[in-house]
Amino acid sequence: MPKITKELKSFTFEYDEERKVFTISEAGGMLGCIELNKVYAFAFTRFVIRISQRNWLRSNKTIEQLIEEEIQEEDENQLKLFEDE
């Protein structure tokens, strides 16, 4: 199975379909690399998207209010997940 790779100036991002691992590595090698399984890669992706959307979806609410609402929504979703089991 193929690997999906995106190379930038300082970092390389790679997803290995076979191992289901997302890898972030630095070009210089000083920081090494980080490997995330599919669950943590998904969580990281959600985090990055939320940070990006925060700048686009600003309203009259403070950041603290937005974070509090987000935590409440996540807690409700997590409870639903465990209720289905």
PDB file of N, CA and C in Angstrom:
ATOM      1  N   MET A   1       0.842  -1.180   0.000  1.00  0.00           N
ATOM      2  CA  MET A   1       0.000   0.000   0.000  1.00  0.00           C
ATOM      3  C   MET A   1       0.884   1.238   0.000  1.00  0.00           C
ATOM      4  N   PRO A   2       0.395   2.301  -0.577  1.00  0.00           N
ATOM      5  CA  PRO A   2       1.235   3.494  -0.733  1.00  0.00           C
ATOM      6  C   PRO A   2       1.357   4.326   0.542  1.00  0.00           C
ATOM      7  N   LYS A   3       2.388   5.125   0.525  1.00  0.00           N
ATOM      8  CA  LYS A   3       2.585   6.119   1.572  1.00  0.00           C
ATOM      9  C   LYS A   3       2.247   7.470   0.957  1.00  0.00           C
ATOM     10  N   ILE A   4       1.576   8.306   1.716  1.00  0.00           N
ATOM     11  CA  ILE A   4       1.249   9.658   1.277  1.00  0.00           C
ATOM     12  C   ILE A   4       2.243  10.575   1.954  1.00  0.00           C
ATOM     13  N   THR A   5       2.978  11.360   1.159  1.00  0.00           N
ATOM     14  CA  THR A   5       4.038  12.200   1.697  1.00  0.00           C
ATOM     15  C   THR A   5       3.862  13.640   1.232  1.00  0.00           C
ATOM     16  N   LYS A   6       4.067  14.562   2.165  1.00  0.00           N
ATOM     17  CA  LYS A   6       4.084  15.994   1.854  1.00  0.00           C
ATOM     18  C   LYS A   6       5.354  16.562   2.458  1.00  0.00           C
ATOM     19  N   GLU A   7       6.234  17.068   1.605  1.00  0.00           N
ATOM     20  CA  GLU A   7       7.498  17.641   2.069  1.00  0.00           C
ATOM     21  C   GLU A   7       7.435  19.158   2.008  1.00  0.00           C
ATOM     22  N   LEU A   8       7.809  19.769   3.104  1.00  0.00           N
ATOM     23  CA  LEU A   8       7.905  21.216   3.189  1.00  0.00           C
ATOM     24  C   LEU A   8       9.365  21.585   3.419  1.00  0.00           C
ATOM     25  N   LYS A   9       9.634  22.862   3.600  1.00  0.00           N
ATOM     26  CA  LYS A   9      11.009  23.321   3.770  1.00  0.00           C
ATOM     27  C   LYS A   9      11.680  22.681   4.991  1.00  0.00           C
ATOM     28  N   SER A  10      11.002  22.640   6.114  1.00  0.00           N
ATOM     29  CA  SER A  10      11.615  22.151   7.353  1.00  0.00           C
ATOM     30  C   SER A  10      11.064  20.830   7.856  1.00  0.00           C
ATOM     31  N   PHE A  11       9.869  20.435   7.392  1.00  0.00           N
ATOM     32  CA  PHE A  11       9.232  19.237   7.915  1.00  0.00           C
ATOM     33  C   PHE A  11       8.695  18.360   6.796  1.00  0.00           C
ATOM     34  N   THR A  12       8.558  17.082   7.113  1.00  0.00           N
ATOM     35  CA  THR A  12       7.948  16.127   6.195  1.00  0.00           C
ATOM     36  C   THR A  12       6.800  15.451   6.925  1.00  0.00           C
ATOM     37  N   PHE A  13       5.649  15.388   6.268  1.00  0.00           N
ATOM     38  CA  PHE A  13       4.483  14.714   6.803  1.00  0.00           C
ATOM     39  C   PHE A  13       4.242  13.467   5.962  1.00  0.00           C
ATOM     40  N   GLU A  14       3.985  12.347   6.634  1.00  0.00           N
ATOM     41  CA  GLU A  14       3.810  11.098   5.897  1.00  0.00           C
ATOM     42  C   GLU A  14       2.735  10.248   6.556  1.00  0.00           C
ATOM     43  N   TYR A  15       1.897   9.631   5.733  1.00  0.00           N
ATOM     44  CA  TYR A  15       0.902   8.691   6.241  1.00  0.00           C
ATOM     45  C   TYR A  15       1.148   7.345   5.583  1.00  0.00           C
ATOM     46  N   ASP A  16       1.369   6.334   6.386  1.00  0.00           N
ATOM     47  CA  ASP A  16       1.629   4.984   5.902  1.00  0.00           C
ATOM     48  C   ASP A  16       0.321   4.195   5.978  1.00  0.00           C
ATOM     49  N   GLU A  17      -0.252   3.894   4.809  1.00  0.00           N
ATOM     50  CA  GLU A  17      -1.525   3.171   4.745  1.00  0.00           C
ATOM     51  C   GLU A  17      -1.429   1.792   5.378  1.00  0.00           C
ATOM     52  N   GLU A  18      -0.321   1.121   5.181  1.00  0.00           N
ATOM     53  CA  GLU A  18      -0.167  -0.248   5.661  1.00  0.00           C
ATOM     54  C   GLU A  18      -0.134  -0.311   7.187  1.00  0.00           C
ATOM     55  N   ARG A  19       0.677   0.545   7.791  1.00  0.00           N
ATOM     56  CA  ARG A  19       0.832   0.553   9.251  1.00  0.00           C
ATOM     57  C   ARG A  19      -0.196   1.430   9.947  1.00  0.00           C
ATOM     58  N   LYS A  20      -0.918   2.268   9.195  1.00  0.00           N
ATOM     59  CA  LYS A  20      -1.893   3.223   9.743  1.00  0.00           C
ATOM     60  C   LYS A  20      -1.216   4.167  10.733  1.00  0.00           C
ATOM     61  N   VAL A  21      -0.068   4.732  10.296  1.00  0.00           N
ATOM     62  CA  VAL A  21       0.722   5.616  11.148  1.00  0.00           C
ATOM     63  C   VAL A  21       0.975   6.930  10.421  1.00  0.00           C
ATOM     64  N   PHE A  22       0.781   8.048  11.129  1.00  0.00           N
ATOM     65  CA  PHE A  22       1.061   9.386  10.633  1.00  0.00           C
ATOM     66  C   PHE A  22       2.382   9.831  11.254  1.00  0.00           C
ATOM     67  N   THR A  23       3.351  10.243  10.414  1.00  0.00           N
ATOM     68  CA  THR A  23       4.677  10.614  10.891  1.00  0.00           C
ATOM     69  C   THR A  23       4.988  12.060  10.525  1.00  0.00           C
ATOM     70  N   ILE A  24       5.516  12.801  11.499  1.00  0.00           N
ATOM     71  CA  ILE A  24       6.000  14.159  11.286  1.00  0.00           C
ATOM     72  C   ILE A  24       7.487  14.129  11.595  1.00  0.00           C
ATOM     73  N   SER A  25       8.315  14.525  10.628  1.00  0.00           N
ATOM     74  CA  SER A  25       9.757  14.513  10.870  1.00  0.00           C
ATOM     75  C   SER A  25      10.370  15.825  10.394  1.00  0.00           C
ATOM     76  N   GLU A  26      11.423  16.222  11.081  1.00  0.00           N
ATOM     77  CA  GLU A  26      12.129  17.463  10.751  1.00  0.00           C
ATOM     78  C   GLU A  26      13.227  17.160   9.748  1.00  0.00           C
ATOM     79  N   ALA A  27      13.422  18.068   8.805  1.00  0.00           N
ATOM     80  CA  ALA A  27      14.425  17.873   7.758  1.00  0.00           C
ATOM     81  C   ALA A  27      15.835  17.833   8.335  1.00  0.00           C
ATOM     82  N   GLY A  28      16.144  18.673   9.308  1.00  0.00           N
ATOM     83  CA  GLY A  28      17.477  18.725   9.885  1.00  0.00           C
ATOM     84  C   GLY A  28      17.788  17.560  10.807  1.00  0.00           C
ATOM     85  N   GLY A  29      16.778  16.935  11.333  1.00  0.00           N
ATOM     86  CA  GLY A  29      16.965  15.786  12.198  1.00  0.00           C
ATOM     87  C   GLY A  29      17.226  16.108  13.655  1.00  0.00           C
ATOM     88  N   MET A  30      17.213  17.389  14.046  1.00  0.00           N
ATOM     89  CA  MET A  30      17.486  17.744  15.437  1.00  0.00           C
ATOM     90  C   MET A  30      16.346  17.313  16.362  1.00  0.00           C
ATOM     91  N   LEU A  31      15.117  17.452  15.901  1.00  0.00           N
ATOM     92  CA  LEU A  31      13.965  17.101  16.732  1.00  0.00           C
ATOM     93  C   LEU A  31      13.544  15.647  16.550  1.00  0.00           C
ATOM     94  N   GLY A  32      14.051  14.993  15.536  1.00  0.00           N
ATOM     95  CA  GLY A  32      13.665  13.606  15.292  1.00  0.00           C
ATOM     96  C   GLY A  32      12.334  13.542  14.584  1.00  0.00           C
ATOM     97  N   CYS A  33      11.538  12.547  14.952  1.00  0.00           N
ATOM     98  CA  CYS A  33      10.227  12.422  14.323  1.00  0.00           C
ATOM     99  C   CYS A  33       9.194  11.996  15.358  1.00  0.00           C
ATOM    100  N   ILE A  34       7.943  12.245  15.011  1.00  0.00           N
ATOM    101  CA  ILE A  34       6.814  11.881  15.855  1.00  0.00           C
ATOM    102  C   ILE A  34       5.934  10.944  15.047  1.00  0.00           C
ATOM    103  N   GLU A  35       5.574   9.809  15.629  1.00  0.00           N
ATOM    104  CA  GLU A  35       4.667   8.878  14.973  1.00  0.00           C
ATOM    105  C   GLU A  35       3.366   8.823  15.767  1.00  0.00           C
ATOM    106  N   LEU A  36       2.256   9.010  15.056  1.00  0.00           N
ATOM    107  CA  LEU A  36       0.935   8.967  15.680  1.00  0.00           C
ATOM    108  C   LEU A  36       0.121   7.854  15.048  1.00  0.00           C
ATOM    109  N   ASN A  37      -0.535   7.038  15.885  1.00  0.00           N
ATOM    110  CA  ASN A  37      -1.431   6.042  15.311  1.00  0.00           C
ATOM    111  C   ASN A  37      -2.667   6.754  14.780  1.00  0.00           C
ATOM    112  N   LYS A  38      -3.578   6.029  14.156  1.00  0.00           N
ATOM    113  CA  LYS A  38      -4.704   6.686  13.489  1.00  0.00           C
ATOM    114  C   LYS A  38      -5.615   7.434  14.454  1.00  0.00           C
ATOM    115  N   VAL A  39      -5.746   6.982  15.686  1.00  0.00           N
ATOM    116  CA  VAL A  39      -6.598   7.666  16.659  1.00  0.00           C
ATOM    117  C   VAL A  39      -5.990   9.011  17.044  1.00  0.00           C
ATOM    118  N   TYR A  40      -4.695   9.015  17.378  1.00  0.00           N
ATOM    119  CA  TYR A  40      -4.034  10.266  17.762  1.00  0.00           C
ATOM    120  C   TYR A  40      -3.860  11.195  16.568  1.00  0.00           C
ATOM    121  N   ALA A  41      -3.656  10.645  15.378  1.00  0.00           N
ATOM    122  CA  ALA A  41      -3.558  11.477  14.176  1.00  0.00           C
ATOM    123  C   ALA A  41      -4.878  12.193  13.935  1.00  0.00           C
ATOM    124  N   PHE A  42      -5.998  11.490  14.130  1.00  0.00           N
ATOM    125  CA  PHE A  42      -7.312  12.101  13.968  1.00  0.00           C
ATOM    126  C   PHE A  42      -7.529  13.197  15.008  1.00  0.00           C
ATOM    127  N   ALA A  43      -7.149  12.930  16.253  1.00  0.00           N
ATOM    128  CA  ALA A  43      -7.296  13.923  17.319  1.00  0.00           C
ATOM    129  C   ALA A  43      -6.443  15.155  17.019  1.00  0.00           C
ATOM    130  N   PHE A  44      -5.230  14.939  16.535  1.00  0.00           N
ATOM    131  CA  PHE A  44      -4.347  16.054  16.178  1.00  0.00           C
ATOM    132  C   PHE A  44      -4.954  16.871  15.032  1.00  0.00           C
ATOM    133  N   THR A  45      -5.504  16.186  14.053  1.00  0.00           N
ATOM    134  CA  THR A  45      -6.136  16.868  12.916  1.00  0.00           C
ATOM    135  C   THR A  45      -7.307  17.716  13.388  1.00  0.00           C
ATOM    136  N   ARG A  46      -8.144  17.166  14.264  1.00  0.00           N
ATOM    137  CA  ARG A  46      -9.269  17.934  14.810  1.00  0.00           C
ATOM    138  C   ARG A  46      -8.785  19.175  15.543  1.00  0.00           C
ATOM    139  N   PHE A  47      -7.700  19.024  16.305  1.00  0.00           N
ATOM    140  CA  PHE A  47      -7.133  20.147  17.049  1.00  0.00           C
ATOM    141  C   PHE A  47      -6.668  21.252  16.094  1.00  0.00           C
ATOM    142  N   VAL A  48      -5.952  20.879  15.051  1.00  0.00           N
ATOM    143  CA  VAL A  48      -5.442  21.853  14.087  1.00  0.00           C
ATOM    144  C   VAL A  48      -6.591  22.559  13.369  1.00  0.00           C
ATOM    145  N   ILE A  49      -7.616  21.809  12.997  1.00  0.00           N
ATOM    146  CA  ILE A  49      -8.764  22.414  12.315  1.00  0.00           C
ATOM    147  C   ILE A  49      -9.479  23.395  13.231  1.00  0.00           C
ATOM    148  N   ARG A  50      -9.636  23.025  14.501  1.00  0.00           N
ATOM    149  CA  ARG A  50     -10.300  23.936  15.446  1.00  0.00           C
ATOM    150  C   ARG A  50      -9.519  25.226  15.619  1.00  0.00           C
ATOM    151  N   ILE A  51      -8.211  25.122  15.704  1.00  0.00           N
ATOM    152  CA  ILE A  51      -7.387  26.322  15.842  1.00  0.00           C
ATOM    153  C   ILE A  51      -7.544  27.199  14.600  1.00  0.00           C
ATOM    154  N   SER A  52      -7.578  26.581  13.434  1.00  0.00           N
ATOM    155  CA  SER A  52      -7.745  27.335  12.183  1.00  0.00           C
ATOM    156  C   SER A  52      -9.119  27.991  12.112  1.00  0.00           C
ATOM    157  N   GLN A  53     -10.149  27.251  12.481  1.00  0.00           N
ATOM    158  CA  GLN A  53     -11.504  27.791  12.414  1.00  0.00           C
ATOM    159  C   GLN A  53     -11.741  28.895  13.427  1.00  0.00           C
ATOM    160  N   ARG A  54     -11.008  28.856  14.505  1.00  0.00           N
ATOM    161  CA  ARG A  54     -11.211  29.860  15.548  1.00  0.00           C
ATOM    162  C   ARG A  54     -11.055  31.264  14.983  1.00  0.00           C
ATOM    163  N   ASN A  55     -10.090  31.451  14.099  1.00  0.00           N
ATOM    164  CA  ASN A  55      -9.879  32.773  13.518  1.00  0.00           C
ATOM    165  C   ASN A  55     -10.997  33.150  12.549  1.00  0.00           C
ATOM    166  N   TRP A  56     -11.617  32.166  11.905  1.00  0.00           N
ATOM    167  CA  TRP A  56     -12.674  32.432  10.926  1.00  0.00           C
ATOM    168  C   TRP A  56     -14.034  32.583  11.588  1.00  0.00           C
ATOM    169  N   LEU A  57     -14.242  31.934  12.708  1.00  0.00           N
ATOM    170  CA  LEU A  57     -15.569  31.894  13.318  1.00  0.00           C
ATOM    171  C   LEU A  57     -15.685  32.783  14.548  1.00  0.00           C
ATOM    172  N   ARG A  58     -14.847  33.770  14.628  1.00  0.00           N
ATOM    173  CA  ARG A  58     -14.899  34.653  15.803  1.00  0.00           C
ATOM    174  C   ARG A  58     -16.239  35.371  15.848  1.00  0.00           C
ATOM    175  N   SER A  59     -16.737  35.531  17.055  1.00  0.00           N
ATOM    176  CA  SER A  59     -17.981  36.266  17.255  1.00  0.00           C
ATOM    177  C   SER A  59     -17.782  37.198  18.447  1.00  0.00           C
ATOM    178  N   ASN A  60     -18.846  37.635  19.020  1.00  0.00           N
ATOM    179  CA  ASN A  60     -18.755  38.517  20.183  1.00  0.00           C
ATOM    180  C   ASN A  60     -18.380  37.756  21.442  1.00  0.00           C
ATOM    181  N   LYS A  61     -18.338  36.440  21.362  1.00  0.00           N
ATOM    182  CA  LYS A  61     -17.987  35.638  22.523  1.00  0.00           C
ATOM    183  C   LYS A  61     -16.481  35.663  22.743  1.00  0.00           C
ATOM    184  N   THR A  62     -16.093  35.511  23.988  1.00  0.00           N
ATOM    185  CA  THR A  62     -14.674  35.436  24.295  1.00  0.00           C
ATOM    186  C   THR A  62     -14.163  34.027  23.997  1.00  0.00           C
ATOM    187  N   ILE A  63     -12.874  33.896  23.900  1.00  0.00           N
ATOM    188  CA  ILE A  63     -12.261  32.590  23.647  1.00  0.00           C
ATOM    189  C   ILE A  63     -12.616  31.620  24.769  1.00  0.00           C
ATOM    190  N   GLU A  64     -12.655  32.105  26.005  1.00  0.00           N
ATOM    191  CA  GLU A  64     -12.986  31.247  27.138  1.00  0.00           C
ATOM    192  C   GLU A  64     -14.391  30.665  27.001  1.00  0.00           C
ATOM    193  N   GLN A  65     -15.352  31.488  26.529  1.00  0.00           N
ATOM    194  CA  GLN A  65     -16.721  31.004  26.338  1.00  0.00           C
ATOM    195  C   GLN A  65     -16.768  29.954  25.227  1.00  0.00           C
ATOM    196  N   LEU A  66     -16.039  30.188  24.144  1.00  0.00           N
ATOM    197  CA  LEU A  66     -16.016  29.228  23.045  1.00  0.00           C
ATOM    198  C   LEU A  66     -15.413  27.897  23.491  1.00  0.00           C
ATOM    199  N   ILE A  67     -14.332  27.962  24.274  1.00  0.00           N
ATOM    200  CA  ILE A  67     -13.689  26.741  24.767  1.00  0.00           C
ATOM    201  C   ILE A  67     -14.632  26.002  25.705  1.00  0.00           C
ATOM    202  N   GLU A  68     -15.331  26.739  26.573  1.00  0.00           N
ATOM    203  CA  GLU A  68     -16.262  26.103  27.512  1.00  0.00           C
ATOM    204  C   GLU A  68     -17.382  25.397  26.756  1.00  0.00           C
ATOM    205  N   GLU A  69     -17.935  26.033  25.713  1.00  0.00           N
ATOM    206  CA  GLU A  69     -18.982  25.407  24.904  1.00  0.00           C
ATOM    207  C   GLU A  69     -18.448  24.155  24.213  1.00  0.00           C
ATOM    208  N   GLU A  70     -17.246  24.234  23.703  1.00  0.00           N
ATOM    209  CA  GLU A  70     -16.644  23.096  23.015  1.00  0.00           C
ATOM    210  C   GLU A  70     -16.437  21.923  23.964  1.00  0.00           C
ATOM    211  N   ILE A  71     -15.996  22.196  25.179  1.00  0.00           N
ATOM    212  CA  ILE A  71     -15.787  21.136  26.171  1.00  0.00           C
ATOM    213  C   ILE A  71     -17.127  20.487  26.522  1.00  0.00           C
ATOM    214  N   GLN A  72     -18.180  21.288  26.682  1.00  0.00           N
ATOM    215  CA  GLN A  72     -19.494  20.732  26.997  1.00  0.00           C
ATOM    216  C   GLN A  72     -19.988  19.842  25.866  1.00  0.00           C
ATOM    217  N   GLU A  73     -19.796  20.270  24.603  1.00  0.00           N
ATOM    218  CA  GLU A  73     -20.215  19.465  23.459  1.00  0.00           C
ATOM    219  C   GLU A  73     -19.443  18.156  23.416  1.00  0.00           C
ATOM    220  N   GLU A  74     -18.137  18.202  23.658  1.00  0.00           N
ATOM    221  CA  GLU A  74     -17.328  16.994  23.642  1.00  0.00           C
ATOM    222  C   GLU A  74     -17.771  16.033  24.732  1.00  0.00           C
ATOM    223  N   ASP A  75     -18.047  16.554  25.928  1.00  0.00           N
ATOM    224  CA  ASP A  75     -18.485  15.699  27.027  1.00  0.00           C
ATOM    225  C   ASP A  75     -19.787  14.992  26.666  1.00  0.00           C
ATOM    226  N   GLU A  76     -20.728  15.719  26.054  1.00  0.00           N
ATOM    227  CA  GLU A  76     -21.999  15.114  25.650  1.00  0.00           C
ATOM    228  C   GLU A  76     -21.764  14.027  24.611  1.00  0.00           C
ATOM    229  N   ASN A  77     -20.897  14.289  23.639  1.00  0.00           N
ATOM    230  CA  ASN A  77     -20.605  13.295  22.607  1.00  0.00           C
ATOM    231  C   ASN A  77     -19.928  12.070  23.193  1.00  0.00           C
ATOM    232  N   GLN A  78     -19.044  12.270  24.142  1.00  0.00           N
ATOM    233  CA  GLN A  78     -18.357  11.145  24.754  1.00  0.00           C
ATOM    234  C   GLN A  78     -19.340  10.294  25.557  1.00  0.00           C
ATOM    235  N   LEU A  79     -20.283  10.937  26.220  1.00  0.00           N
ATOM    236  CA  LEU A  79     -21.282  10.183  26.967  1.00  0.00           C
ATOM    237  C   LEU A  79     -22.138   9.348  26.028  1.00  0.00           C
ATOM    238  N   LYS A  80     -22.517   9.927  24.876  1.00  0.00           N
ATOM    239  CA  LYS A  80     -23.313   9.198  23.891  1.00  0.00           C
ATOM    240  C   LYS A  80     -22.540   7.996  23.368  1.00  0.00           C
ATOM    241  N   LEU A  81     -21.247   8.163  23.171  1.00  0.00           N
ATOM    242  CA  LEU A  81     -20.428   7.081  22.659  1.00  0.00           C
ATOM    243  C   LEU A  81     -20.450   5.901  23.635  1.00  0.00           C
ATOM    244  N   PHE A  82     -20.321   6.186  24.923  1.00  0.00           N
ATOM    245  CA  PHE A  82     -20.290   5.121  25.907  1.00  0.00           C
ATOM    246  C   PHE A  82     -21.675   4.519  26.160  1.00  0.00           C
ATOM    247  N   GLU A  83     -22.734   5.303  25.951  1.00  0.00           N
ATOM    248  CA  GLU A  83     -24.081   4.778  26.127  1.00  0.00           C
ATOM    249  C   GLU A  83     -24.420   3.758  25.047  1.00  0.00           C
ATOM    250  N   ASP A  84     -23.855   3.924  23.839  1.00  0.00           N
ATOM    251  CA  ASP A  84     -24.141   3.010  22.728  1.00  0.00           C
ATOM    252  C   ASP A  84     -23.528   1.644  22.928  1.00  0.00           C
ATOM    253  N   GLU A  85     -22.528   1.543  23.763  1.00  0.00           N
ATOM    254  CA  GLU A  85     -21.825   0.258  23.940  1.00  0.00           C
ATOM    255  C   GLU A  85     -22.619  -0.730  24.743  1.00  0.00           C
TER     256      GLU A  85
END
